[in-house]
Amino acid sequence: MKSISSTSNQSPLDQIYLAESEVALKIAAARKQAEKQLNEAQKQTRLILKQAREANKRAIQEQSQNLIANAEKEARQLILRAKKQSLEIRQKGAKQINPAIDVVVSFVTDTAEKRKDHDT
């Protein structure tokens, strides 16, 4: 491409056309470069968004798994406590069953004796 300075033997109009052509070529090259940079920026943006979505999805899954694991742990602890309380109640009941039977038997026999005395 000829430079404007090397065209001093051309007419001013030819020099203007040549300068316009050079500028048009530079504008086209700059436009092409800008489009290339824009396409690259859009590509990087899509990649970043994809990575962010995947990271967010992993974080949600991890959080869900942690919540489930904590809920299961808490449920196991509640079951263990309920079993322990149930065993304690059974043991207390077993200890108190004989005295309760004695009270009932005593009540029944006293009532029967009182009826006998009353009937006679």
PDB file of N, CA and C in Angstrom:
ATOM      1  N   MET A   1       0.847  -1.160   0.000  1.00  0.00           N
ATOM      2  CA  MET A   1       0.000   0.000   0.000  1.00  0.00           C
ATOM      3  C   MET A   1       0.895   1.225   0.000  1.00  0.00           C
ATOM      4  N   LYS A   2       0.518   2.202  -0.799  1.00  0.00           N
ATOM      5  CA  LYS A   2       1.310   3.426  -0.876  1.00  0.00           C
ATOM      6  C   LYS A   2       0.967   4.321   0.292  1.00  0.00           C
ATOM      7  N   SER A   3       1.928   4.996   0.777  1.00  0.00           N
ATOM      8  CA  SER A   3       1.724   5.938   1.861  1.00  0.00           C
ATOM      9  C   SER A   3       1.384   7.286   1.274  1.00  0.00           C
ATOM     10  N   ILE A   4       0.683   8.124   2.028  1.00  0.00           N
ATOM     11  CA  ILE A   4       0.291   9.452   1.554  1.00  0.00           C
ATOM     12  C   ILE A   4       1.513  10.285   1.243  1.00  0.00           C
ATOM     13  N   SER A   5       2.575  10.154   1.997  1.00  0.00           N
ATOM     14  CA  SER A   5       3.776  10.965   1.788  1.00  0.00           C
ATOM     15  C   SER A   5       4.482  10.615   0.479  1.00  0.00           C
ATOM     16  N   SER A   6       4.298   9.380  -0.009  1.00  0.00           N
ATOM     17  CA  SER A   6       4.970   8.989  -1.247  1.00  0.00           C
ATOM     18  C   SER A   6       4.145   9.325  -2.480  1.00  0.00           C
ATOM     19  N   THR A   7       3.008   9.960  -2.292  1.00  0.00           N
ATOM     20  CA  THR A   7       2.140  10.279  -3.424  1.00  0.00           C
ATOM     21  C   THR A   7       2.128  11.767  -3.725  1.00  0.00           C
ATOM     22  N   SER A   8       3.207  12.447  -3.473  1.00  0.00           N
ATOM     23  CA  SER A   8       3.254  13.901  -3.678  1.00  0.00           C
ATOM     24  C   SER A   8       3.132  14.266  -5.155  1.00  0.00           C
ATOM     25  N   ASN A   9       3.422  13.337  -6.068  1.00  0.00           N
ATOM     26  CA  ASN A   9       3.290  13.644  -7.493  1.00  0.00           C
ATOM     27  C   ASN A   9       1.865  13.396  -7.998  1.00  0.00           C
ATOM     28  N   GLN A  10       0.955  12.925  -7.117  1.00  0.00           N
ATOM     29  CA  GLN A  10      -0.438  12.729  -7.501  1.00  0.00           C
ATOM     30  C   GLN A  10      -1.231  14.005  -7.264  1.00  0.00           C
ATOM     31  N   SER A  11      -2.360  14.044  -7.896  1.00  0.00           N
ATOM     32  CA  SER A  11      -3.221  15.213  -7.724  1.00  0.00           C
ATOM     33  C   SER A  11      -3.805  15.192  -6.319  1.00  0.00           C
ATOM     34  N   PRO A  12      -4.216  16.321  -5.828  1.00  0.00           N
ATOM     35  CA  PRO A  12      -4.809  16.361  -4.495  1.00  0.00           C
ATOM     36  C   PRO A  12      -6.031  15.456  -4.387  1.00  0.00           C
ATOM     37  N   LEU A  13      -6.831  15.360  -5.436  1.00  0.00           N
ATOM     38  CA  LEU A  13      -8.000  14.507  -5.394  1.00  0.00           C
ATOM     39  C   LEU A  13      -7.600  13.035  -5.285  1.00  0.00           C
ATOM     40  N   ASP A  14      -6.565  12.643  -6.041  1.00  0.00           N
ATOM     41  CA  ASP A  14      -6.073  11.266  -5.955  1.00  0.00           C
ATOM     42  C   ASP A  14      -5.524  10.977  -4.557  1.00  0.00           C
ATOM     43  N   GLN A  15      -4.848  11.973  -3.996  1.00  0.00           N
ATOM     44  CA  GLN A  15      -4.306  11.796  -2.646  1.00  0.00           C
ATOM     45  C   GLN A  15      -5.433  11.612  -1.629  1.00  0.00           C
ATOM     46  N   ILE A  16      -6.534  12.362  -1.822  1.00  0.00           N
ATOM     47  CA  ILE A  16      -7.690  12.233  -0.918  1.00  0.00           C
ATOM     48  C   ILE A  16      -8.297  10.841  -1.060  1.00  0.00           C
ATOM     49  N   TYR A  17      -8.463  10.382  -2.331  1.00  0.00           N
ATOM     50  CA  TYR A  17      -9.006   9.033  -2.550  1.00  0.00           C
ATOM     51  C   TYR A  17      -8.117   7.970  -1.917  1.00  0.00           C
ATOM     52  N   LEU A  18      -6.821   8.162  -2.094  1.00  0.00           N
ATOM     53  CA  LEU A  18      -5.880   7.199  -1.518  1.00  0.00           C
ATOM     54  C   LEU A  18      -5.962   7.216   0.012  1.00  0.00           C
ATOM     55  N   ALA A  19      -6.032   8.414   0.586  1.00  0.00           N
ATOM     56  CA  ALA A  19      -6.134   8.537   2.038  1.00  0.00           C
ATOM     57  C   ALA A  19      -7.442   7.913   2.532  1.00  0.00           C
ATOM     58  N   GLU A  20      -8.538   8.153   1.796  1.00  0.00           N
ATOM     59  CA  GLU A  20      -9.811   7.553   2.160  1.00  0.00           C
ATOM     60  C   GLU A  20      -9.734   6.028   2.108  1.00  0.00           C
ATOM     61  N   SER A  21      -9.074   5.513   1.094  1.00  0.00           N
ATOM     62  CA  SER A  21      -8.929   4.065   0.953  1.00  0.00           C
ATOM     63  C   SER A  21      -8.135   3.487   2.118  1.00  0.00           C
ATOM     64  N   GLU A  22      -7.032   4.185   2.461  1.00  0.00           N
ATOM     65  CA  GLU A  22      -6.216   3.707   3.584  1.00  0.00           C
ATOM     66  C   GLU A  22      -7.004   3.746   4.889  1.00  0.00           C
ATOM     67  N   VAL A  23      -7.726   4.838   5.082  1.00  0.00           N
ATOM     68  CA  VAL A  23      -8.530   4.967   6.294  1.00  0.00           C
ATOM     69  C   VAL A  23      -9.632   3.911   6.299  1.00  0.00           C
ATOM     70  N   ALA A  24     -10.291   3.661   5.166  1.00  0.00           N
ATOM     71  CA  ALA A  24     -11.345   2.656   5.083  1.00  0.00           C
ATOM     72  C   ALA A  24     -10.790   1.276   5.404  1.00  0.00           C
ATOM     73  N   LEU A  25      -9.586   0.986   4.899  1.00  0.00           N
ATOM     74  CA  LEU A  25      -8.950  -0.299   5.196  1.00  0.00           C
ATOM     75  C   LEU A  25      -8.627  -0.418   6.685  1.00  0.00           C
ATOM     76  N   LYS A  26      -8.134   0.667   7.259  1.00  0.00           N
ATOM     77  CA  LYS A  26      -7.828   0.655   8.688  1.00  0.00           C
ATOM     78  C   LYS A  26      -9.110   0.500   9.516  1.00  0.00           C
ATOM     79  N   ILE A  27     -10.178   1.176   9.086  1.00  0.00           N
ATOM     80  CA  ILE A  27     -11.457   1.060   9.798  1.00  0.00           C
ATOM     81  C   ILE A  27     -11.976  -0.365   9.696  1.00  0.00           C
ATOM     82  N   ALA A  28     -11.885  -0.954   8.499  1.00  0.00           N
ATOM     83  CA  ALA A  28     -12.352  -2.331   8.312  1.00  0.00           C
ATOM     84  C   ALA A  28     -11.536  -3.294   9.169  1.00  0.00           C
ATOM     85  N   ALA A  29     -10.219  -3.079   9.205  1.00  0.00           N
ATOM     86  CA  ALA A  29      -9.356  -3.942  10.026  1.00  0.00           C
ATOM     87  C   ALA A  29      -9.683  -3.764  11.507  1.00  0.00           C
ATOM     88  N   ALA A  30      -9.898  -2.504  11.916  1.00  0.00           N
ATOM     89  CA  ALA A  30     -10.244  -2.236  13.322  1.00  0.00           C
ATOM     90  C   ALA A  30     -11.598  -2.850  13.653  1.00  0.00           C
ATOM     91  N   ARG A  31     -12.558  -2.745  12.728  1.00  0.00           N
ATOM     92  CA  ARG A  31     -13.883  -3.328  12.936  1.00  0.00           C
ATOM     93  C   ARG A  31     -13.770  -4.844  13.066  1.00  0.00           C
ATOM     94  N   LYS A  32     -12.977  -5.441  12.175  1.00  0.00           N
ATOM     95  CA  LYS A  32     -12.786  -6.889  12.213  1.00  0.00           C
ATOM     96  C   LYS A  32     -12.143  -7.308  13.536  1.00  0.00           C
ATOM     97  N   GLN A  33     -11.140  -6.550  13.967  1.00  0.00           N
ATOM     98  CA  GLN A  33     -10.474  -6.840  15.247  1.00  0.00           C
ATOM     99  C   GLN A  33     -11.450  -6.664  16.414  1.00  0.00           C
ATOM    100  N   ALA A  34     -12.265  -5.617  16.349  1.00  0.00           N
ATOM    101  CA  ALA A  34     -13.248  -5.372  17.414  1.00  0.00           C
ATOM    102  C   ALA A  34     -14.275  -6.503  17.459  1.00  0.00           C
ATOM    103  N   GLU A  35     -14.737  -6.966  16.291  1.00  0.00           N
ATOM    104  CA  GLU A  35     -15.681  -8.079  16.250  1.00  0.00           C
ATOM    105  C   GLU A  35     -15.043  -9.345  16.825  1.00  0.00           C
ATOM    106  N   LYS A  36     -13.781  -9.552  16.492  1.00  0.00           N
ATOM    107  CA  LYS A  36     -13.063 -10.718  17.017  1.00  0.00           C
ATOM    108  C   LYS A  36     -12.970 -10.641  18.540  1.00  0.00           C
ATOM    109  N   GLN A  37     -12.624  -9.459  19.055  1.00  0.00           N
ATOM    110  CA  GLN A  37     -12.536  -9.281  20.504  1.00  0.00           C
ATOM    111  C   GLN A  37     -13.903  -9.424  21.167  1.00  0.00           C
ATOM    112  N   LEU A  38     -14.937  -8.906  20.497  1.00  0.00           N
ATOM    113  CA  LEU A  38     -16.288  -9.023  21.030  1.00  0.00           C
ATOM    114  C   LEU A  38     -16.711 -10.484  21.073  1.00  0.00           C
ATOM    115  N   ASN A  39     -16.454 -11.216  20.005  1.00  0.00           N
ATOM    116  CA  ASN A  39     -16.789 -12.639  19.980  1.00  0.00           C
ATOM    117  C   ASN A  39     -16.047 -13.396  21.079  1.00  0.00           C
ATOM    118  N   GLU A  40     -14.789 -13.079  21.275  1.00  0.00           N
ATOM    119  CA  GLU A  40     -13.996 -13.729  22.319  1.00  0.00           C
ATOM    120  C   GLU A  40     -14.552 -13.382  23.695  1.00  0.00           C
ATOM    121  N   ALA A  41     -14.924 -12.129  23.899  1.00  0.00           N
ATOM    122  CA  ALA A  41     -15.497 -11.706  25.184  1.00  0.00           C
ATOM    123  C   ALA A  41     -16.828 -12.417  25.433  1.00  0.00           C
ATOM    124  N   GLN A  42     -17.646 -12.557  24.392  1.00  0.00           N
ATOM    125  CA  GLN A  42     -18.924 -13.266  24.545  1.00  0.00           C
ATOM    126  C   GLN A  42     -18.679 -14.739  24.854  1.00  0.00           C
ATOM    127  N   LYS A  43     -17.692 -15.313  24.200  1.00  0.00           N
ATOM    128  CA  LYS A  43     -17.352 -16.713  24.459  1.00  0.00           C
ATOM    129  C   LYS A  43     -16.903 -16.888  25.909  1.00  0.00           C
ATOM    130  N   GLN A  44     -16.050 -15.988  26.385  1.00  0.00           N
ATOM    131  CA  GLN A  44     -15.585 -16.058  27.771  1.00  0.00           C
ATOM    132  C   GLN A  44     -16.746 -15.841  28.748  1.00  0.00           C
ATOM    133  N   THR A  45     -17.645 -14.943  28.401  1.00  0.00           N
ATOM    134  CA  THR A  45     -18.806 -14.683  29.251  1.00  0.00           C
ATOM    135  C   THR A  45     -19.669 -15.928  29.368  1.00  0.00           C
ATOM    136  N   ARG A  46     -19.918 -16.589  28.230  1.00  0.00           N
ATOM    137  CA  ARG A  46     -20.706 -17.826  28.263  1.00  0.00           C
ATOM    138  C   ARG A  46     -20.008 -18.888  29.101  1.00  0.00           C
ATOM    139  N   LEU A  47     -18.681 -18.984  28.963  1.00  0.00           N
ATOM    140  CA  LEU A  47     -17.924 -19.961  29.738  1.00  0.00           C
ATOM    141  C   LEU A  47     -18.010 -19.655  31.237  1.00  0.00           C
ATOM    142  N   ILE A  48     -17.852 -18.399  31.595  1.00  0.00           N
ATOM    143  CA  ILE A  48     -17.922 -17.993  33.005  1.00  0.00           C
ATOM    144  C   ILE A  48     -19.314 -18.279  33.573  1.00  0.00           C
ATOM    145  N   LEU A  49     -20.352 -17.961  32.800  1.00  0.00           N
ATOM    146  CA  LEU A  49     -21.720 -18.231  33.252  1.00  0.00           C
ATOM    147  C   LEU A  49     -21.951 -19.726  33.427  1.00  0.00           C
ATOM    148  N   LYS A  50     -21.456 -20.514  32.493  1.00  0.00           N
ATOM    149  CA  LYS A  50     -21.606 -21.963  32.589  1.00  0.00           C
ATOM    150  C   LYS A  50     -20.903 -22.487  33.838  1.00  0.00           C
ATOM    151  N   GLN A  51     -19.680 -22.002  34.079  1.00  0.00           N
ATOM    152  CA  GLN A  51     -18.934 -22.438  35.256  1.00  0.00           C
ATOM    153  C   GLN A  51     -19.642 -21.998  36.540  1.00  0.00           C
ATOM    154  N   ALA A  52     -20.183 -20.796  36.532  1.00  0.00           N
ATOM    155  CA  ALA A  52     -20.896 -20.297  37.713  1.00  0.00           C
ATOM    156  C   ALA A  52     -22.139 -21.134  37.981  1.00  0.00           C
ATOM    157  N   ARG A  53     -22.879 -21.482  36.919  1.00  0.00           N
ATOM    158  CA  ARG A  53     -24.074 -22.322  37.096  1.00  0.00           C
ATOM    159  C   ARG A  53     -23.695 -23.692  37.650  1.00  0.00           C
ATOM    160  N   GLU A  54     -22.625 -24.268  37.098  1.00  0.00           N
ATOM    161  CA  GLU A  54     -22.187 -25.584  37.569  1.00  0.00           C
ATOM    162  C   GLU A  54     -21.723 -25.518  39.024  1.00  0.00           C
ATOM    163  N   ALA A  55     -20.983 -24.465  39.369  1.00  0.00           N
ATOM    164  CA  ALA A  55     -20.524 -24.306  40.752  1.00  0.00           C
ATOM    165  C   ALA A  55     -21.719 -24.122  41.690  1.00  0.00           C
ATOM    166  N   ASN A  56     -22.696 -23.346  41.247  1.00  0.00           N
ATOM    167  CA  ASN A  56     -23.902 -23.132  42.047  1.00  0.00           C
ATOM    168  C   ASN A  56     -24.668 -24.438  42.220  1.00  0.00           C
ATOM    169  N   LYS A  57     -24.765 -25.202  41.154  1.00  0.00           N
ATOM    170  CA  LYS A  57     -25.466 -26.492  41.218  1.00  0.00           C
ATOM    171  C   LYS A  57     -24.760 -27.431  42.191  1.00  0.00           C
ATOM    172  N   ARG A  58     -23.425 -27.468  42.115  1.00  0.00           N
ATOM    173  CA  ARG A  58     -22.663 -28.317  43.041  1.00  0.00           C
ATOM    174  C   ARG A  58     -22.858 -27.849  44.478  1.00  0.00           C
ATOM    175  N   ALA A  59     -22.843 -26.546  44.687  1.00  0.00           N
ATOM    176  CA  ALA A  59     -23.011 -26.005  46.042  1.00  0.00           C
ATOM    177  C   ALA A  59     -24.394 -26.357  46.593  1.00  0.00           C
ATOM    178  N   ILE A  60     -25.417 -26.257  45.750  1.00  0.00           N
ATOM    179  CA  ILE A  60     -26.775 -26.598  46.185  1.00  0.00           C
ATOM    180  C   ILE A  60     -26.862 -28.079  46.519  1.00  0.00           C
ATOM    181  N   GLN A  61     -26.267 -28.921  45.669  1.00  0.00           N
ATOM    182  CA  GLN A  61     -26.289 -30.361  45.933  1.00  0.00           C
ATOM    183  C   GLN A  61     -25.550 -30.687  47.227  1.00  0.00           C
ATOM    184  N   GLU A  62     -24.416 -30.043  47.432  1.00  0.00           N
ATOM    185  CA  GLU A  62     -23.639 -30.290  48.652  1.00  0.00           C
ATOM    186  C   GLU A  62     -24.420 -29.835  49.881  1.00  0.00           C
ATOM    187  N   GLN A  63     -25.049 -28.680  49.777  1.00  0.00           N
ATOM    188  CA  GLN A  63     -25.840 -28.169  50.897  1.00  0.00           C
ATOM    189  C   GLN A  63     -27.017 -29.101  51.178  1.00  0.00           C
ATOM    190  N   SER A  64     -27.664 -29.573  50.115  1.00  0.00           N
ATOM    191  CA  SER A  64     -28.787 -30.502  50.287  1.00  0.00           C
ATOM    192  C   SER A  64     -28.321 -31.784  50.958  1.00  0.00           C
ATOM    193  N   GLN A  65     -27.195 -32.302  50.516  1.00  0.00           N
ATOM    194  CA  GLN A  65     -26.670 -33.529  51.112  1.00  0.00           C
ATOM    195  C   GLN A  65     -26.336 -33.312  52.584  1.00  0.00           C
ATOM    196  N   ASN A  66     -25.764 -32.165  52.909  1.00  0.00           N
ATOM    197  CA  ASN A  66     -25.456 -31.858  54.310  1.00  0.00           C
ATOM    198  C   ASN A  66     -26.726 -31.762  55.146  1.00  0.00           C
ATOM    199  N   LEU A  67     -27.753 -31.102  54.597  1.00  0.00           N
ATOM    200  CA  LEU A  67     -29.015 -30.983  55.327  1.00  0.00           C
ATOM    201  C   LEU A  67     -29.646 -32.357  55.547  1.00  0.00           C
ATOM    202  N   ILE A  68     -29.619 -33.188  54.521  1.00  0.00           N
ATOM    203  CA  ILE A  68     -30.177 -34.536  54.646  1.00  0.00           C
ATOM    204  C   ILE A  68     -29.394 -35.337  55.682  1.00  0.00           C
ATOM    205  N   ALA A  69     -28.064 -35.256  55.611  1.00  0.00           N
ATOM    206  CA  ALA A  69     -27.228 -35.998  56.565  1.00  0.00           C
ATOM    207  C   ALA A  69     -27.498 -35.530  57.993  1.00  0.00           C
ATOM    208  N   ASN A  70     -27.643 -34.227  58.181  1.00  0.00           N
ATOM    209  CA  ASN A  70     -27.931 -33.706  59.525  1.00  0.00           C
ATOM    210  C   ASN A  70     -29.312 -34.151  60.001  1.00  0.00           C
ATOM    211  N   ALA A  71     -30.285 -34.139  59.098  1.00  0.00           N
ATOM    212  CA  ALA A  71     -31.637 -34.581  59.471  1.00  0.00           C
ATOM    213  C   ALA A  71     -31.628 -36.068  59.834  1.00  0.00           C
ATOM    214  N   GLU A  72     -30.915 -36.871  59.072  1.00  0.00           N
ATOM    215  CA  GLU A  72     -30.831 -38.305  59.380  1.00  0.00           C
ATOM    216  C   GLU A  72     -30.142 -38.537  60.718  1.00  0.00           C
ATOM    217  N   LYS A  73     -29.091 -37.772  60.982  1.00  0.00           N
ATOM    218  CA  LYS A  73     -28.378 -37.897  62.261  1.00  0.00           C
ATOM    219  C   LYS A  73     -29.308 -37.534  63.413  1.00  0.00           C
ATOM    220  N   GLU A  74     -30.033 -36.443  63.249  1.00  0.00           N
ATOM    221  CA  GLU A  74     -30.962 -36.012  64.295  1.00  0.00           C
ATOM    222  C   GLU A  74     -32.059 -37.054  64.498  1.00  0.00           C
ATOM    223  N   ALA A  75     -32.548 -37.635  63.404  1.00  0.00           N
ATOM    224  CA  ALA A  75     -33.592 -38.670  63.511  1.00  0.00           C
ATOM    225  C   ALA A  75     -33.056 -39.883  64.260  1.00  0.00           C
ATOM    226  N   ARG A  76     -31.814 -40.287  63.956  1.00  0.00           N
ATOM    227  CA  ARG A  76     -31.225 -41.432  64.678  1.00  0.00           C
ATOM    228  C   ARG A  76     -31.108 -41.128  66.168  1.00  0.00           C
ATOM    229  N   GLN A  77     -30.714 -39.903  66.503  1.00  0.00           N
ATOM    230  CA  GLN A  77     -30.590 -39.525  67.907  1.00  0.00           C
ATOM    231  C   GLN A  77     -31.955 -39.542  68.601  1.00  0.00           C
ATOM    232  N   LEU A  78     -32.969 -39.058  67.907  1.00  0.00           N
ATOM    233  CA  LEU A  78     -34.322 -39.079  68.481  1.00  0.00           C
ATOM    234  C   LEU A  78     -34.801 -40.508  68.701  1.00  0.00           C
ATOM    235  N   ILE A  79     -34.514 -41.377  67.752  1.00  0.00           N
ATOM    236  CA  ILE A  79     -34.914 -42.785  67.894  1.00  0.00           C
ATOM    237  C   ILE A  79     -34.203 -43.416  69.077  1.00  0.00           C
ATOM    238  N   LEU A  80     -32.910 -43.130  69.225  1.00  0.00           N
ATOM    239  CA  LEU A  80     -32.160 -43.686  70.355  1.00  0.00           C
ATOM    240  C   LEU A  80     -32.727 -43.188  71.683  1.00  0.00           C
ATOM    241  N   ARG A  81     -33.048 -41.895  71.736  1.00  0.00           N
ATOM    242  CA  ARG A  81     -33.625 -41.345  72.970  1.00  0.00           C
ATOM    243  C   ARG A  81     -34.980 -41.986  73.270  1.00  0.00           C
ATOM    244  N   ALA A  82     -35.788 -42.164  72.236  1.00  0.00           N
ATOM    245  CA  ALA A  82     -37.113 -42.781  72.431  1.00  0.00           C
ATOM    246  C   ALA A  82     -36.961 -44.220  72.910  1.00  0.00           C
ATOM    247  N   LYS A  83     -36.019 -44.957  72.344  1.00  0.00           N
ATOM    248  CA  LYS A  83     -35.790 -46.343  72.786  1.00  0.00           C
ATOM    249  C   LYS A  83     -35.327 -46.375  74.235  1.00  0.00           C
ATOM    250  N   LYS A  84     -34.446 -45.445  74.589  1.00  0.00           N
ATOM    251  CA  LYS A  84     -33.953 -45.383  75.967  1.00  0.00           C
ATOM    252  C   LYS A  84     -35.089 -45.070  76.929  1.00  0.00           C
ATOM    253  N   GLN A  85     -35.915 -44.085  76.565  1.00  0.00           N
ATOM    254  CA  GLN A  85     -37.050 -43.734  77.421  1.00  0.00           C
ATOM    255  C   GLN A  85     -38.022 -44.906  77.535  1.00  0.00           C
ATOM    256  N   SER A  86     -38.258 -45.590  76.432  1.00  0.00           N
ATOM    257  CA  SER A  86     -39.151 -46.748  76.447  1.00  0.00           C
ATOM    258  C   SER A  86     -38.621 -47.830  77.384  1.00  0.00           C
ATOM    259  N   LEU A  87     -37.319 -48.087  77.314  1.00  0.00           N
ATOM    260  CA  LEU A  87     -36.711 -49.083  78.189  1.00  0.00           C
ATOM    261  C   LEU A  87     -36.829 -48.661  79.654  1.00  0.00           C
ATOM    262  N   GLU A  88     -36.575 -47.382  79.935  1.00  0.00           N
ATOM    263  CA  GLU A  88     -36.692 -46.885  81.304  1.00  0.00           C
ATOM    264  C   GLU A  88     -38.128 -47.051  81.828  1.00  0.00           C
ATOM    265  N   ILE A  89     -39.099 -46.739  80.980  1.00  0.00           N
ATOM    266  CA  ILE A  89     -40.503 -46.876  81.395  1.00  0.00           C
ATOM    267  C   ILE A  89     -40.835 -48.341  81.669  1.00  0.00           C
ATOM    268  N   ARG A  90     -40.365 -49.230  80.808  1.00  0.00           N
ATOM    269  CA  ARG A  90     -40.602 -50.664  81.027  1.00  0.00           C
ATOM    270  C   ARG A  90     -39.984 -51.136  82.336  1.00  0.00           C
ATOM    271  N   GLN A  91     -38.755 -50.670  82.574  1.00  0.00           N
ATOM    272  CA  GLN A  91     -38.076 -51.081  83.806  1.00  0.00           C
ATOM    273  C   GLN A  91     -38.809 -50.552  85.031  1.00  0.00           C
ATOM    274  N   LYS A  92     -39.239 -49.295  84.989  1.00  0.00           N
ATOM    275  CA  LYS A  92     -40.004 -48.736  86.113  1.00  0.00           C
ATOM    276  C   LYS A  92     -41.317 -49.495  86.280  1.00  0.00           C
ATOM    277  N   GLY A  93     -41.949 -49.799  85.148  1.00  0.00           N
ATOM    278  CA  GLY A  93     -43.211 -50.540  85.204  1.00  0.00           C
ATOM    279  C   GLY A  93     -43.010 -51.918  85.798  1.00  0.00           C
ATOM    280  N   ALA A  94     -41.916 -52.585  85.427  1.00  0.00           N
ATOM    281  CA  ALA A  94     -41.642 -53.922  85.958  1.00  0.00           C
ATOM    282  C   ALA A  94     -41.405 -53.854  87.460  1.00  0.00           C
ATOM    283  N   LYS A  95     -40.741 -52.802  87.916  1.00  0.00           N
ATOM    284  CA  LYS A  95     -40.481 -52.654  89.349  1.00  0.00           C
ATOM    285  C   LYS A  95     -41.773 -52.359  90.108  1.00  0.00           C
ATOM    286  N   GLN A  96     -42.687 -51.684  89.485  1.00  0.00           N
ATOM    287  CA  GLN A  96     -43.898 -51.258  90.178  1.00  0.00           C
ATOM    288  C   GLN A  96     -45.069 -52.208  89.991  1.00  0.00           C
ATOM    289  N   ILE A  97     -44.916 -53.202  89.143  1.00  0.00           N
ATOM    290  CA  ILE A  97     -46.040 -54.101  88.884  1.00  0.00           C
ATOM    291  C   ILE A  97     -46.407 -54.928  90.116  1.00  0.00           C
ATOM    292  N   ASN A  98     -45.403 -55.455  90.823  1.00  0.00           N
ATOM    293  CA  ASN A  98     -45.701 -56.271  92.013  1.00  0.00           C
ATOM    294  C   ASN A  98     -46.353 -55.451  93.114  1.00  0.00           C
ATOM    295  N   PRO A  99     -45.819 -54.264  93.449  1.00  0.00           N
ATOM    296  CA  PRO A  99     -46.537 -53.468  94.457  1.00  0.00           C
ATOM    297  C   PRO A  99     -47.951 -53.109  94.006  1.00  0.00           C
ATOM    298  N   ALA A 100     -48.139 -52.881  92.716  1.00  0.00           N
ATOM    299  CA  ALA A 100     -49.478 -52.550  92.217  1.00  0.00           C
ATOM    300  C   ALA A 100     -50.406 -53.747  92.360  1.00  0.00           C
ATOM    301  N   ILE A 101     -49.893 -54.917  92.065  1.00  0.00           N
ATOM    302  CA  ILE A 101     -50.689 -56.137  92.221  1.00  0.00           C
ATOM    303  C   ILE A 101     -51.069 -56.325  93.686  1.00  0.00           C
ATOM    304  N   ASP A 102     -50.097 -56.079  94.561  1.00  0.00           N
ATOM    305  CA  ASP A 102     -50.377 -56.208  95.997  1.00  0.00           C
ATOM    306  C   ASP A 102     -51.483 -55.253  96.429  1.00  0.00           C
ATOM    307  N   VAL A 103     -51.451 -54.025  95.943  1.00  0.00           N
ATOM    308  CA  VAL A 103     -52.473 -53.042  96.305  1.00  0.00           C
ATOM    309  C   VAL A 103     -53.831 -53.509  95.817  1.00  0.00           C
ATOM    310  N   VAL A 104     -53.877 -53.981  94.579  1.00  0.00           N
ATOM    311  CA  VAL A 104     -55.152 -54.442  94.018  1.00  0.00           C
ATOM    312  C   VAL A 104     -55.658 -55.655  94.794  1.00  0.00           C
ATOM    313  N   VAL A 105     -54.781 -56.603  95.058  1.00  0.00           N
ATOM    314  CA  VAL A 105     -55.186 -57.814  95.802  1.00  0.00           C
ATOM    315  C   VAL A 105     -55.671 -57.425  97.193  1.00  0.00           C
ATOM    316  N   SER A 106     -54.948 -56.531  97.820  1.00  0.00           N
ATOM    317  CA  SER A 106     -55.340 -56.080  99.158  1.00  0.00           C
ATOM    318  C   SER A 106     -56.708 -55.414  99.122  1.00  0.00           C
ATOM    319  N   PHE A 107     -56.903 -54.591  98.143  1.00  0.00           N
ATOM    320  CA  PHE A 107     -58.186 -53.899  98.009  1.00  0.00           C
ATOM    321  C   PHE A 107     -59.318 -54.904  97.799  1.00  0.00           C
ATOM    322  N   VAL A 108     -59.065 -55.857  96.915  1.00  0.00           N
ATOM    323  CA  VAL A 108     -60.098 -56.862  96.615  1.00  0.00           C
ATOM    324  C   VAL A 108     -60.383 -57.714  97.845  1.00  0.00           C
ATOM    325  N   THR A 109     -59.338 -58.155  98.519  1.00  0.00           N
ATOM    326  CA  THR A 109     -59.555 -59.018  99.692  1.00  0.00           C
ATOM    327  C   THR A 109     -60.206 -58.242 100.831  1.00  0.00           C
ATOM    328  N   ASP A 110     -59.797 -56.979 101.012  1.00  0.00           N
ATOM    329  CA  ASP A 110     -60.438 -56.166 102.043  1.00  0.00           C
ATOM    330  C   ASP A 110     -61.920 -55.960 101.723  1.00  0.00           C
ATOM    331  N   THR A 111     -62.195 -55.720 100.483  1.00  0.00           N
ATOM    332  CA  THR A 111     -63.584 -55.516 100.085  1.00  0.00           C
ATOM    333  C   THR A 111     -64.375 -56.798 100.276  1.00  0.00           C
ATOM    334  N   ALA A 112     -63.763 -57.913  99.934  1.00  0.00           N
ATOM    335  CA  ALA A 112     -64.453 -59.201 100.102  1.00  0.00           C
ATOM    336  C   ALA A 112     -64.697 -59.470 101.573  1.00  0.00           C
ATOM    337  N   GLU A 113     -63.735 -59.183 102.429  1.00  0.00           N
ATOM    338  CA  GLU A 113     -63.901 -59.410 103.868  1.00  0.00           C
ATOM    339  C   GLU A 113     -64.970 -58.495 104.432  1.00  0.00           C
ATOM    340  N   LYS A 114     -64.984 -57.264 103.980  1.00  0.00           N
ATOM    341  CA  LYS A 114     -65.994 -56.315 104.460  1.00  0.00           C
ATOM    342  C   LYS A 114     -67.383 -56.769 104.048  1.00  0.00           C
ATOM    343  N   ARG A 115     -67.508 -57.325 102.885  1.00  0.00           N
ATOM    344  CA  ARG A 115     -68.805 -57.828 102.430  1.00  0.00           C
ATOM    345  C   ARG A 115     -69.233 -59.028 103.282  1.00  0.00           C
ATOM    346  N   LYS A 116     -68.246 -59.860 103.561  1.00  0.00           N
ATOM    347  CA  LYS A 116     -68.545 -61.038 104.388  1.00  0.00           C
ATOM    348  C   LYS A 116     -69.032 -60.583 105.761  1.00  0.00           C
ATOM    349  N   ASP A 117     -68.309 -59.604 106.334  1.00  0.00           N
ATOM    350  CA  ASP A 117     -68.703 -59.096 107.650  1.00  0.00           C
ATOM    351  C   ASP A 117     -70.065 -58.412 107.577  1.00  0.00           C
ATOM    352  N   HIS A 118     -70.311 -57.755 106.533  1.00  0.00           N
ATOM    353  CA  HIS A 118     -71.548 -57.028 106.379  1.00  0.00           C
ATOM    354  C   HIS A 118     -72.729 -58.006 106.209  1.00  0.00           C
ATOM    355  N   ASP A 119     -72.472 -59.114 105.498  1.00  0.00           N
ATOM    356  CA  ASP A 119     -73.523 -60.097 105.258  1.00  0.00           C
ATOM    357  C   ASP A 119     -73.853 -60.867 106.540  1.00  0.00           C
ATOM    358  N   THR A 120     -72.986 -60.979 107.407  1.00  0.00           N
ATOM    359  CA  THR A 120     -73.261 -61.781 108.603  1.00  0.00           C
ATOM    360  C   THR A 120     -73.828 -60.996 109.713  1.00  0.00           C
TER     361      THR A 120
END
